[in-house]
Amino acid sequence: MCLVIGVGGFSILHGAVERSNGHFAPPDPVTKMLMAGFFPAMAVTSFLVILWGDGCRVVDFICDGQEFRFRKLNGRWETRRLRETAEVRELYGRCQDLRGYRVRFRDGTEVFLSPQLPHAAELAERLHGRI
């Protein structure tokens, strides 16, 4: 998506022309320079926002009944006691399909459990039962 924004936006506006006195004229050099910098900057910004948003996504977890140990997308393992859980909420998409579970801890941090993870539903239920 980021490449579509960067390359697509640049190529569309690069070919844009202005109507001036009934003639088509290419954009002036300043406009070309702004277009050349704006769309790649938008692509990088959107990529970083997406990456930051996925930073709370759990990719692997272990739960032994007392502790919830998980690894997020950034690769770090974290350990939380089950009693630290403050909220477990199911997240649904537009068509009411389950997108995952948001787990919020007492210190305000959050993680996201995908329903594609093995035993994610059971873990969400166990965490919810500990609240």
Protein backbone atom coordinates (compact mmCIF):
# COMPACT_ATOMS: atom_id res chain seq x y z
CA MET A 1 0.00 0.00 0.00
CA CYS A 2 2.84 2.37 0.81
CA LEU A 3 4.40 1.80 -2.61
CA VAL A 4 1.04 2.45 -4.27
CA ILE A 5 0.79 5.78 -2.45
CA GLY A 6 4.35 6.80 -3.25
CA VAL A 7 4.77 5.60 -6.82
CA GLY A 8 1.14 5.96 -7.88
CA GLY A 9 0.71 9.47 -6.53
CA PHE A 10 3.99 10.64 -7.96
CA SER A 11 3.38 9.17 -11.41
CA ILE A 12 -0.18 10.50 -11.60
CA LEU A 13 0.78 14.02 -10.60
CA HIS A 14 4.02 13.93 -12.56
CA GLY A 15 1.96 13.51 -15.71
CA ALA A 16 -0.52 16.16 -14.62
CA VAL A 17 -0.75 19.28 -16.71
CA GLU A 18 -2.18 22.70 -16.18
CA ARG A 19 -4.53 24.38 -18.61
CA SER A 20 -3.09 27.75 -19.46
CA ASN A 21 -4.54 29.91 -22.27
CA GLY A 22 -6.02 26.85 -23.95
CA HIS A 23 -2.65 25.07 -24.09
CA PHE A 24 -1.32 22.30 -21.95
CA ALA A 25 1.87 23.09 -20.10
CA PRO A 26 3.90 20.76 -17.91
CA PRO A 27 4.22 21.65 -14.23
CA ASP A 28 6.92 24.14 -13.33
CA PRO A 29 10.20 22.89 -11.75
CA VAL A 30 9.17 23.86 -8.20
CA THR A 31 5.96 21.83 -8.48
CA LYS A 32 7.95 18.88 -9.85
CA MET A 33 10.37 19.08 -6.92
CA LEU A 34 7.50 19.24 -4.41
CA MET A 35 5.83 16.22 -6.03
CA ALA A 36 9.12 14.33 -6.09
CA GLY A 37 9.53 14.85 -2.34
CA PHE A 38 5.93 14.72 -1.13
CA PHE A 39 4.80 11.31 -2.34
CA PRO A 40 7.90 9.34 -1.32
CA ALA A 41 7.68 11.08 2.08
CA MET A 42 4.00 10.05 2.32
CA ALA A 43 4.93 6.45 1.44
CA VAL A 44 7.62 6.32 4.14
CA THR A 45 5.31 7.96 6.69
CA SER A 46 2.47 5.53 5.99
CA PHE A 47 4.89 2.58 6.21
CA LEU A 48 6.16 3.77 9.60
CA VAL A 49 2.62 4.32 10.91
CA ILE A 50 1.61 0.81 9.84
CA LEU A 51 4.76 -0.68 11.37
CA TRP A 52 4.19 1.23 14.63
CA GLY A 53 0.57 0.09 14.75
CA ASP A 54 1.58 -3.55 14.33
CA GLY A 55 4.16 -3.27 17.11
CA CYS A 56 1.62 -4.49 19.69
CA ARG A 57 0.70 -7.60 17.66
CA VAL A 58 1.47 -10.86 19.47
CA VAL A 59 3.09 -13.46 17.21
CA ASP A 60 3.78 -16.17 19.81
CA PHE A 61 2.70 -16.81 23.39
CA ILE A 62 2.88 -19.25 26.30
CA CYS A 63 0.48 -19.30 29.23
CA ASP A 64 1.05 -21.53 32.26
CA GLY A 65 -1.93 -20.49 34.36
CA GLN A 66 -0.06 -17.87 36.39
CA GLU A 67 1.91 -15.97 33.75
CA PHE A 68 1.28 -14.88 30.20
CA ARG A 69 4.55 -14.82 28.25
CA PHE A 70 4.37 -13.38 24.74
CA ARG A 71 6.54 -12.19 21.88
CA LYS A 72 5.44 -9.18 19.91
CA LEU A 73 6.17 -8.37 16.29
CA ASN A 74 9.27 -6.41 17.33
CA GLY A 75 10.80 -9.68 18.59
CA ARG A 76 10.97 -9.01 22.34
CA TRP A 77 9.54 -11.49 24.83
CA GLU A 78 7.53 -10.05 27.71
CA THR A 79 6.05 -11.72 30.76
CA ARG A 80 2.91 -10.57 32.55
CA ARG A 81 1.08 -12.13 35.46
CA LEU A 82 -2.50 -13.02 34.63
CA ARG A 83 -3.79 -10.81 37.43
CA GLU A 84 -2.27 -7.77 35.65
CA THR A 85 -4.94 -8.07 32.95
CA ALA A 86 -7.42 -5.18 33.08
CA GLU A 87 -9.54 -5.81 29.98
CA VAL A 88 -9.99 -8.30 27.16
CA ARG A 89 -12.11 -7.12 24.27
CA GLU A 90 -13.10 -8.88 21.06
CA LEU A 91 -12.54 -6.74 17.97
CA TYR A 92 -14.86 -7.17 14.99
CA GLY A 93 -14.56 -6.03 11.38
CA ARG A 94 -17.17 -4.39 9.17
CA CYS A 95 -18.91 -7.66 8.38
CA GLN A 96 -18.97 -8.68 12.06
CA ASP A 97 -16.09 -11.10 11.54
CA LEU A 98 -13.75 -11.55 14.49
CA ARG A 99 -10.48 -9.65 13.86
CA GLY A 100 -8.83 -10.51 17.16
CA TYR A 101 -8.61 -9.72 20.85
CA ARG A 102 -7.28 -6.58 22.46
CA VAL A 103 -5.71 -7.25 25.85
CA ARG A 104 -5.11 -4.23 28.06
CA PHE A 105 -3.02 -4.45 31.21
CA ARG A 106 -3.35 -2.42 34.40
CA ASP A 107 -0.40 -0.19 33.47
CA GLY A 108 -2.19 0.86 30.26
CA THR A 109 -0.17 -1.14 27.74
CA GLU A 110 -2.03 -3.19 25.17
CA VAL A 111 -1.38 -6.20 22.97
CA PHE A 112 -3.36 -7.65 20.09
CA LEU A 113 -4.04 -11.38 19.73
CA SER A 114 -4.93 -12.57 16.26
CA PRO A 115 -7.57 -15.33 16.03
CA GLN A 116 -5.17 -17.15 13.68
CA LEU A 117 -2.81 -17.82 16.60
CA PRO A 118 -3.26 -21.33 18.00
CA HIS A 119 -5.42 -21.30 21.16
CA ALA A 120 -5.92 -17.50 21.05
CA ALA A 121 -9.64 -17.82 21.85
CA GLU A 122 -8.92 -20.02 24.87
CA LEU A 123 -6.27 -17.60 26.12
CA ALA A 124 -8.61 -14.62 25.70
CA GLU A 125 -11.28 -16.47 27.66
CA ARG A 126 -8.80 -17.40 30.41
CA LEU A 127 -7.53 -13.80 30.67
CA HIS A 128 -11.08 -12.48 30.70
CA GLY A 129 -11.92 -14.90 33.54
CA ARG A 130 -9.04 -13.50 35.63
CA ILE A 131 -10.36 -9.93 35.58
